[in-house]
N, C-alpha and C. Protein backbone atom coordinates (compact mmCIF):
# COMPACT_ATOMS: atom_id res chain seq x y z
N MET A 1 86.60 126.57 177.52
CA MET A 1 86.72 127.64 176.57
C MET A 1 87.95 128.46 176.90
N ALA A 2 88.69 128.87 175.88
CA ALA A 2 89.92 129.61 176.07
C ALA A 2 89.61 131.04 176.51
N GLY A 3 90.46 131.54 177.39
CA GLY A 3 90.32 132.91 177.84
C GLY A 3 90.85 133.88 176.79
N PRO A 4 90.63 135.18 177.02
CA PRO A 4 91.06 136.15 176.02
C PRO A 4 92.58 136.20 175.87
N GLY A 5 93.32 135.94 176.92
CA GLY A 5 94.78 135.99 176.83
C GLY A 5 95.36 134.88 175.97
N SER A 6 94.94 133.66 176.21
CA SER A 6 95.47 132.55 175.42
C SER A 6 94.95 132.59 173.99
N SER A 7 93.69 133.00 173.81
CA SER A 7 93.16 133.12 172.46
C SER A 7 93.88 134.21 171.68
N MET A 8 94.24 135.29 172.36
CA MET A 8 94.98 136.36 171.72
C MET A 8 96.36 135.88 171.28
N LEU A 9 97.02 135.13 172.13
CA LEU A 9 98.34 134.60 171.80
C LEU A 9 98.28 133.62 170.63
N TYR A 10 97.34 132.69 170.67
CA TYR A 10 97.24 131.70 169.60
C TYR A 10 96.86 132.34 168.27
N SER A 11 95.94 133.29 168.30
CA SER A 11 95.56 133.94 167.05
C SER A 11 96.71 134.77 166.48
N PHE A 12 97.51 135.38 167.34
CA PHE A 12 98.67 136.14 166.85
C PHE A 12 99.71 135.21 166.25
N LEU A 13 99.97 134.09 166.91
CA LEU A 13 100.95 133.15 166.36
C LEU A 13 100.48 132.55 165.03
N LEU A 14 99.19 132.21 164.95
CA LEU A 14 98.67 131.70 163.68
C LEU A 14 98.65 132.78 162.60
N PHE A 15 98.41 134.03 162.99
CA PHE A 15 98.47 135.14 162.05
C PHE A 15 99.87 135.27 161.45
N ILE A 16 100.87 135.24 162.30
CA ILE A 16 102.27 135.36 161.83
C ILE A 16 102.63 134.16 160.95
N ALA A 17 102.24 132.97 161.35
CA ALA A 17 102.57 131.78 160.56
C ALA A 17 101.87 131.80 159.20
N THR A 18 100.59 132.17 159.18
CA THR A 18 99.85 132.22 157.91
C THR A 18 100.39 133.29 156.98
N LEU A 19 100.68 134.46 157.54
CA LEU A 19 101.24 135.54 156.73
C LEU A 19 102.61 135.16 156.17
N SER A 20 103.43 134.52 156.99
CA SER A 20 104.77 134.11 156.55
C SER A 20 104.69 133.06 155.44
N LEU A 21 103.83 132.07 155.64
CA LEU A 21 103.68 131.03 154.61
C LEU A 21 103.10 131.59 153.32
N GLN A 22 102.20 132.54 153.44
CA GLN A 22 101.65 133.15 152.23
C GLN A 22 102.73 133.92 151.47
N GLU A 23 103.60 134.60 152.19
CA GLU A 23 104.65 135.35 151.51
C GLU A 23 105.72 134.42 150.94
N VAL A 24 105.98 133.32 151.60
CA VAL A 24 106.97 132.37 151.08
C VAL A 24 106.47 131.74 149.79
N TYR A 25 105.18 131.39 149.75
CA TYR A 25 104.61 130.71 148.60
C TYR A 25 103.83 131.63 147.68
N ARG A 26 104.11 132.92 147.67
CA ARG A 26 103.33 133.83 146.84
C ARG A 26 103.54 133.60 145.36
N GLY A 27 104.70 133.12 144.95
CA GLY A 27 104.92 132.78 143.55
C GLY A 27 104.04 131.62 143.12
N LYS A 28 103.93 130.62 143.97
CA LYS A 28 103.08 129.47 143.68
C LYS A 28 101.60 129.88 143.69
N LEU A 29 101.21 130.74 144.64
CA LEU A 29 99.82 131.16 144.74
C LEU A 29 99.39 132.03 143.55
N ALA A 30 100.34 132.68 142.90
CA ALA A 30 100.01 133.52 141.75
C ALA A 30 100.15 132.76 140.43
N SER A 31 100.50 131.48 140.47
CA SER A 31 100.82 130.75 139.25
C SER A 31 99.59 130.31 138.44
N SER A 32 98.45 130.08 139.07
CA SER A 32 97.27 129.65 138.33
C SER A 32 96.02 130.30 138.94
N GLU A 33 94.89 130.13 138.25
CA GLU A 33 93.65 130.74 138.71
C GLU A 33 93.18 130.15 140.04
N LEU A 34 93.27 128.84 140.16
CA LEU A 34 92.82 128.18 141.39
C LEU A 34 93.71 128.58 142.57
N TYR A 35 95.00 128.65 142.34
CA TYR A 35 95.90 129.07 143.42
C TYR A 35 95.70 130.54 143.78
N THR A 36 95.28 131.35 142.81
CA THR A 36 95.00 132.75 143.11
C THR A 36 93.78 132.86 144.03
N ILE A 37 92.77 132.04 143.78
CA ILE A 37 91.61 132.02 144.68
C ILE A 37 92.02 131.52 146.06
N LEU A 38 92.90 130.53 146.09
CA LEU A 38 93.42 130.03 147.37
C LEU A 38 94.20 131.12 148.10
N GLY A 39 94.93 131.94 147.35
CA GLY A 39 95.65 133.06 147.96
C GLY A 39 94.69 134.05 148.60
N GLY A 40 93.55 134.31 147.95
CA GLY A 40 92.54 135.18 148.54
C GLY A 40 91.94 134.57 149.79
N PHE A 41 91.75 133.26 149.78
CA PHE A 41 91.20 132.59 150.96
C PHE A 41 92.18 132.64 152.13
N THR A 42 93.47 132.42 151.86
CA THR A 42 94.45 132.51 152.96
C THR A 42 94.53 133.94 153.50
N SER A 43 94.34 134.92 152.63
CA SER A 43 94.32 136.31 153.12
C SER A 43 93.08 136.56 153.97
N SER A 44 91.96 135.92 153.65
CA SER A 44 90.79 136.08 154.50
C SER A 44 90.98 135.38 155.84
N LEU A 45 91.77 134.30 155.86
CA LEU A 45 92.12 133.69 157.15
C LEU A 45 92.98 134.64 157.97
N ILE A 46 93.87 135.37 157.28
CA ILE A 46 94.67 136.39 157.96
C ILE A 46 93.73 137.43 158.58
N PHE A 47 92.69 137.81 157.84
CA PHE A 47 91.70 138.77 158.36
C PHE A 47 91.04 138.25 159.63
N ILE A 48 90.58 137.01 159.62
CA ILE A 48 89.89 136.46 160.79
C ILE A 48 90.84 136.35 161.99
N LEU A 49 92.08 135.91 161.73
CA LEU A 49 93.03 135.77 162.82
C LEU A 49 93.40 137.12 163.42
N LEU A 50 93.59 138.12 162.57
CA LEU A 50 93.91 139.45 163.08
C LEU A 50 92.71 140.07 163.80
N LEU A 51 91.52 139.83 163.29
CA LEU A 51 90.32 140.33 163.96
C LEU A 51 90.16 139.69 165.34
N THR A 52 90.45 138.40 165.44
CA THR A 52 90.41 137.72 166.73
C THR A 52 91.44 138.30 167.69
N PHE A 53 92.63 138.55 167.18
CA PHE A 53 93.68 139.14 168.02
C PHE A 53 93.27 140.52 168.52
N ILE A 54 92.79 141.37 167.62
CA ILE A 54 92.41 142.73 168.01
C ILE A 54 91.24 142.70 168.99
N GLY A 55 90.24 141.85 168.73
CA GLY A 55 89.10 141.76 169.64
C GLY A 55 89.49 141.29 171.03
N ASN A 56 90.38 140.31 171.11
CA ASN A 56 90.83 139.84 172.42
C ASN A 56 91.71 140.87 173.12
N TYR A 57 92.50 141.59 172.34
CA TYR A 57 93.31 142.67 172.93
C TYR A 57 92.42 143.76 173.51
N GLN A 58 91.37 144.12 172.77
CA GLN A 58 90.44 145.12 173.27
C GLN A 58 89.70 144.63 174.51
N GLU A 59 89.39 143.34 174.54
CA GLU A 59 88.70 142.80 175.71
C GLU A 59 89.58 142.82 176.95
N THR A 60 90.87 142.54 176.78
CA THR A 60 91.75 142.56 177.95
C THR A 60 92.03 143.99 178.41
N CYS A 61 92.03 144.96 177.49
CA CYS A 61 92.26 146.35 177.86
C CYS A 61 90.99 147.06 178.30
N GLY A 62 89.83 146.51 177.96
CA GLY A 62 88.57 147.13 178.32
C GLY A 62 88.16 148.25 177.38
N VAL A 63 88.69 148.24 176.16
CA VAL A 63 88.39 149.28 175.17
C VAL A 63 87.60 148.64 174.03
N ARG A 64 86.63 149.39 173.48
CA ARG A 64 85.86 148.90 172.33
C ARG A 64 85.98 149.92 171.21
N SER A 65 86.23 149.43 169.99
CA SER A 65 86.32 150.34 168.84
C SER A 65 85.23 150.07 167.80
N GLY A 66 84.42 149.06 168.00
CA GLY A 66 83.35 148.77 167.06
C GLY A 66 83.88 148.29 165.72
N TRP A 67 83.53 149.01 164.67
CA TRP A 67 83.93 148.62 163.32
C TRP A 67 85.39 148.94 163.02
N GLY A 68 86.05 149.69 163.89
CA GLY A 68 87.45 150.04 163.67
C GLY A 68 88.35 148.82 163.59
N ALA A 69 88.09 147.84 164.44
CA ALA A 69 88.88 146.61 164.42
C ALA A 69 88.66 145.84 163.12
N VAL A 70 87.42 145.82 162.64
CA VAL A 70 87.11 145.11 161.40
C VAL A 70 87.80 145.79 160.22
N ILE A 71 87.73 147.09 160.17
CA ILE A 71 88.34 147.83 159.06
C ILE A 71 89.86 147.67 159.07
N LEU A 72 90.47 147.77 160.25
CA LEU A 72 91.93 147.61 160.34
C LEU A 72 92.35 146.21 159.91
N ALA A 73 91.65 145.19 160.38
CA ALA A 73 92.00 143.81 160.01
C ALA A 73 91.79 143.59 158.51
N GLU A 74 90.74 144.17 157.94
CA GLU A 74 90.49 144.02 156.51
C GLU A 74 91.55 144.72 155.67
N VAL A 75 91.98 145.89 156.09
CA VAL A 75 93.02 146.62 155.35
C VAL A 75 94.33 145.83 155.37
N VAL A 76 94.70 145.28 156.52
CA VAL A 76 95.92 144.48 156.60
C VAL A 76 95.82 143.24 155.72
N ALA A 77 94.66 142.58 155.74
CA ALA A 77 94.47 141.38 154.91
C ALA A 77 94.50 141.72 153.43
N LEU A 78 93.92 142.85 153.04
CA LEU A 78 93.95 143.24 151.63
C LEU A 78 95.35 143.62 151.18
N ILE A 79 96.13 144.24 152.05
CA ILE A 79 97.53 144.54 151.71
C ILE A 79 98.32 143.25 151.55
N ALA A 80 98.08 142.28 152.44
CA ALA A 80 98.76 140.99 152.32
C ALA A 80 98.34 140.28 151.03
N ALA A 81 97.07 140.41 150.65
CA ALA A 81 96.59 139.79 149.42
C ALA A 81 97.19 140.47 148.19
N SER A 82 97.42 141.77 148.30
CA SER A 82 97.96 142.50 147.15
C SER A 82 99.41 142.13 146.86
N THR A 83 100.11 141.57 147.82
CA THR A 83 101.48 141.15 147.57
C THR A 83 101.53 139.85 146.77
N VAL A 84 100.43 139.12 146.72
CA VAL A 84 100.38 137.86 145.98
C VAL A 84 99.93 138.11 144.54
N HIS A 85 98.73 138.66 144.37
CA HIS A 85 98.16 138.87 143.04
C HIS A 85 97.01 139.85 143.19
N ARG A 86 96.70 140.61 142.14
CA ARG A 86 95.62 141.59 142.26
C ARG A 86 94.25 140.94 142.35
N VAL A 87 94.09 139.75 141.80
CA VAL A 87 92.81 139.05 141.93
C VAL A 87 92.61 138.57 143.37
N CYS A 88 93.69 138.33 144.07
CA CYS A 88 93.59 137.91 145.47
C CYS A 88 92.92 138.97 146.33
N ILE A 89 93.04 140.23 145.93
CA ILE A 89 92.39 141.30 146.69
C ILE A 89 90.88 141.13 146.65
N THR A 90 90.35 140.87 145.48
CA THR A 90 88.90 140.70 145.33
C THR A 90 88.41 139.45 146.05
N THR A 91 89.10 138.34 145.85
CA THR A 91 88.67 137.10 146.50
C THR A 91 88.82 137.19 148.02
N CYS A 92 89.86 137.88 148.47
CA CYS A 92 90.02 138.08 149.91
C CYS A 92 88.86 138.87 150.48
N PHE A 93 88.45 139.92 149.78
CA PHE A 93 87.33 140.74 150.26
C PHE A 93 86.04 139.92 150.32
N LEU A 94 85.79 139.12 149.29
CA LEU A 94 84.57 138.32 149.26
C LEU A 94 84.57 137.24 150.34
N PHE A 95 85.70 136.52 150.47
CA PHE A 95 85.80 135.50 151.52
C PHE A 95 85.71 136.13 152.91
N SER A 96 86.33 137.30 153.09
CA SER A 96 86.30 137.96 154.39
C SER A 96 84.89 138.40 154.76
N ALA A 97 84.14 138.88 153.77
CA ALA A 97 82.75 139.28 154.04
C ALA A 97 81.93 138.07 154.46
N ALA A 98 82.13 136.94 153.78
CA ALA A 98 81.39 135.72 154.14
C ALA A 98 81.80 135.23 155.52
N LEU A 99 83.09 135.24 155.81
CA LEU A 99 83.54 134.79 157.13
C LEU A 99 83.08 135.73 158.23
N LEU A 100 83.07 137.03 157.96
CA LEU A 100 82.58 137.98 158.96
C LEU A 100 81.10 137.77 159.24
N TYR A 101 80.32 137.48 158.20
CA TYR A 101 78.91 137.18 158.39
C TYR A 101 78.72 135.94 159.26
N GLU A 102 79.49 134.89 158.98
CA GLU A 102 79.37 133.66 159.77
C GLU A 102 79.82 133.86 161.22
N VAL A 103 80.88 134.63 161.43
CA VAL A 103 81.35 134.90 162.80
C VAL A 103 80.30 135.71 163.56
N ASN A 104 79.70 136.69 162.89
CA ASN A 104 78.65 137.49 163.52
C ASN A 104 77.45 136.62 163.87
N LYS A 105 77.05 135.73 162.98
CA LYS A 105 75.93 134.82 163.23
C LYS A 105 76.26 133.89 164.40
N LEU A 106 77.47 133.37 164.43
CA LEU A 106 77.88 132.49 165.53
C LEU A 106 77.93 133.23 166.85
N SER A 107 78.40 134.46 166.82
CA SER A 107 78.45 135.27 168.03
C SER A 107 77.05 135.53 168.58
N GLY A 108 76.12 135.87 167.70
CA GLY A 108 74.74 136.07 168.13
C GLY A 108 74.12 134.82 168.70
N LEU A 109 74.45 133.68 168.10
CA LEU A 109 73.94 132.41 168.60
C LEU A 109 74.49 132.11 169.99
N MET A 110 75.76 132.36 170.20
CA MET A 110 76.36 132.09 171.50
C MET A 110 75.81 133.03 172.57
N VAL A 111 75.58 134.28 172.22
CA VAL A 111 75.02 135.23 173.20
C VAL A 111 73.59 134.83 173.56
N SER A 112 72.79 134.48 172.57
CA SER A 112 71.41 134.09 172.86
C SER A 112 71.36 132.79 173.64
N ARG A 113 72.29 131.90 173.37
CA ARG A 113 72.32 130.63 174.09
C ARG A 113 72.71 130.85 175.55
N SER A 114 73.66 131.78 175.81
CA SER A 114 74.07 132.02 177.19
C SER A 114 72.99 132.75 177.96
N GLU A 115 72.17 133.57 177.28
CA GLU A 115 71.07 134.26 177.97
C GLU A 115 69.94 133.31 178.33
N SER A 116 69.65 132.34 177.47
CA SER A 116 68.53 131.45 177.73
C SER A 116 68.94 130.16 178.42
N ARG A 117 70.21 130.04 178.77
CA ARG A 117 70.69 128.80 179.39
C ARG A 117 70.02 128.54 180.73
N GLY A 118 69.86 129.55 181.54
CA GLY A 118 69.27 129.36 182.85
C GLY A 118 67.78 129.09 182.80
N LYS A 119 67.09 129.59 181.79
CA LYS A 119 65.64 129.49 181.75
C LYS A 119 65.15 128.13 181.29
N SER A 120 65.66 127.67 180.18
CA SER A 120 65.07 126.47 179.58
C SER A 120 66.10 125.37 179.36
N TYR A 121 67.07 125.28 180.22
CA TYR A 121 68.11 124.28 180.04
C TYR A 121 67.56 122.87 180.16
N VAL A 122 66.71 122.63 181.14
CA VAL A 122 66.15 121.30 181.36
C VAL A 122 65.19 120.93 180.23
N ILE A 123 64.36 121.86 179.81
CA ILE A 123 63.41 121.58 178.74
C ILE A 123 64.15 121.29 177.44
N ARG A 124 65.18 122.10 177.13
CA ARG A 124 65.94 121.85 175.91
C ARG A 124 66.67 120.52 175.98
N GLY A 125 67.15 120.14 177.15
CA GLY A 125 67.82 118.85 177.30
C GLY A 125 66.87 117.70 177.04
N LEU A 126 65.64 117.81 177.54
CA LEU A 126 64.64 116.76 177.30
C LEU A 126 64.26 116.71 175.82
N LEU A 127 64.10 117.87 175.18
CA LEU A 127 63.78 117.88 173.76
C LEU A 127 64.91 117.26 172.94
N ASP A 128 66.15 117.57 173.29
CA ASP A 128 67.29 116.97 172.59
C ASP A 128 67.30 115.46 172.76
N LEU A 129 66.97 114.98 173.97
CA LEU A 129 66.94 113.55 174.22
C LEU A 129 65.83 112.88 173.41
N ILE A 130 64.67 113.51 173.34
CA ILE A 130 63.56 112.94 172.55
C ILE A 130 63.93 112.89 171.07
N ILE A 131 64.54 113.95 170.56
CA ILE A 131 64.95 113.98 169.15
C ILE A 131 65.99 112.90 168.87
N LEU A 132 66.92 112.71 169.80
CA LEU A 132 67.94 111.68 169.64
C LEU A 132 67.33 110.29 169.60
N VAL A 133 66.38 110.03 170.49
CA VAL A 133 65.72 108.72 170.51
C VAL A 133 64.96 108.49 169.21
N VAL A 134 64.26 109.50 168.71
CA VAL A 134 63.51 109.36 167.46
C VAL A 134 64.47 109.09 166.30
N LEU A 135 65.57 109.81 166.26
CA LEU A 135 66.54 109.60 165.18
C LEU A 135 67.16 108.20 165.24
N LEU A 136 67.47 107.73 166.44
CA LEU A 136 68.03 106.39 166.57
C LEU A 136 67.02 105.32 166.17
N ASN A 137 65.76 105.52 166.53
CA ASN A 137 64.73 104.57 166.10
C ASN A 137 64.57 104.56 164.59
N ASN A 138 64.61 105.73 163.97
CA ASN A 138 64.53 105.79 162.51
C ASN A 138 65.73 105.12 161.88
N LEU A 139 66.90 105.28 162.47
CA LEU A 139 68.10 104.64 161.94
C LEU A 139 67.98 103.12 162.05
N ARG A 140 67.43 102.65 163.18
CA ARG A 140 67.28 101.22 163.35
C ARG A 140 66.26 100.66 162.35
N VAL A 141 65.18 101.40 162.10
CA VAL A 141 64.19 100.97 161.11
C VAL A 141 64.81 100.95 159.73
N ASP A 142 65.61 101.96 159.40
CA ASP A 142 66.28 101.99 158.11
C ASP A 142 67.26 100.83 157.98
N MET A 143 67.97 100.53 159.04
CA MET A 143 68.93 99.42 158.98
C MET A 143 68.21 98.09 158.85
N MET A 144 67.06 97.94 159.51
CA MET A 144 66.31 96.69 159.40
C MET A 144 65.76 96.52 157.98
N SER A 145 65.28 97.58 157.37
CA SER A 145 64.79 97.46 156.00
C SER A 145 65.95 97.16 155.06
N PHE A 146 67.15 97.64 155.39
CA PHE A 146 68.32 97.33 154.59
C PHE A 146 68.66 95.84 154.68
N VAL A 147 68.56 95.30 155.90
CA VAL A 147 68.84 93.88 156.10
C VAL A 147 67.80 93.02 155.38
N VAL A 148 66.53 93.45 155.39
CA VAL A 148 65.49 92.69 154.70
C VAL A 148 65.73 92.72 153.20
N LYS A 149 66.16 93.85 152.67
CA LYS A 149 66.39 93.95 151.23
C LYS A 149 67.64 93.18 150.81
N PHE A 150 68.66 93.19 151.64
CA PHE A 150 69.92 92.53 151.33
C PHE A 150 70.28 91.57 152.45
N PRO A 151 69.70 90.35 152.44
CA PRO A 151 69.90 89.42 153.57
C PRO A 151 71.32 88.86 153.64
N ASN A 152 72.09 88.92 152.59
CA ASN A 152 73.43 88.35 152.61
C ASN A 152 74.47 89.30 153.21
N VAL A 153 74.10 90.55 153.40
CA VAL A 153 75.02 91.55 153.94
C VAL A 153 74.92 91.52 155.46
N VAL A 154 76.06 91.46 156.13
CA VAL A 154 76.10 91.44 157.59
C VAL A 154 76.19 92.87 158.10
N VAL A 155 75.28 93.26 158.98
CA VAL A 155 75.26 94.60 159.55
C VAL A 155 75.44 94.46 161.05
N PHE A 156 76.43 95.16 161.58
CA PHE A 156 76.67 95.14 163.04
C PHE A 156 76.08 96.39 163.64
N MET A 157 75.33 96.22 164.73
CA MET A 157 74.75 97.37 165.41
C MET A 157 75.21 97.37 166.84
């Protein structure tokens, strides 16, 4: 897993590249309805990249601002979207809200997984192995019924 320093650098470089490409192709992004939605999506990617940069910067400095980082990243993304088309502002906001929800859900999942890793790691590993064996057996049964139904088809396993 990448540390906060390298993640901060990569997210900043991707932020600059995405913002630059969006500004270079803003005429194309404003040319049709589908491209306008794409412009809003690229602005929401700018939001996620800037939020990652700010979060990693705060982690390296030891400072927390809570929702301040989210609001700052959203304002910058909405300003970038406004340079393309006014509809991009709305689509950027909607895509950013969805991406923020997914990032929050993923973050909660990772925190809960790291807390329970020491307690039930062996049990979860055995359950995963049992589920994998059951799935492979079902796949083999499905493949065998496929071979019975279509005997002329060669199936490699």
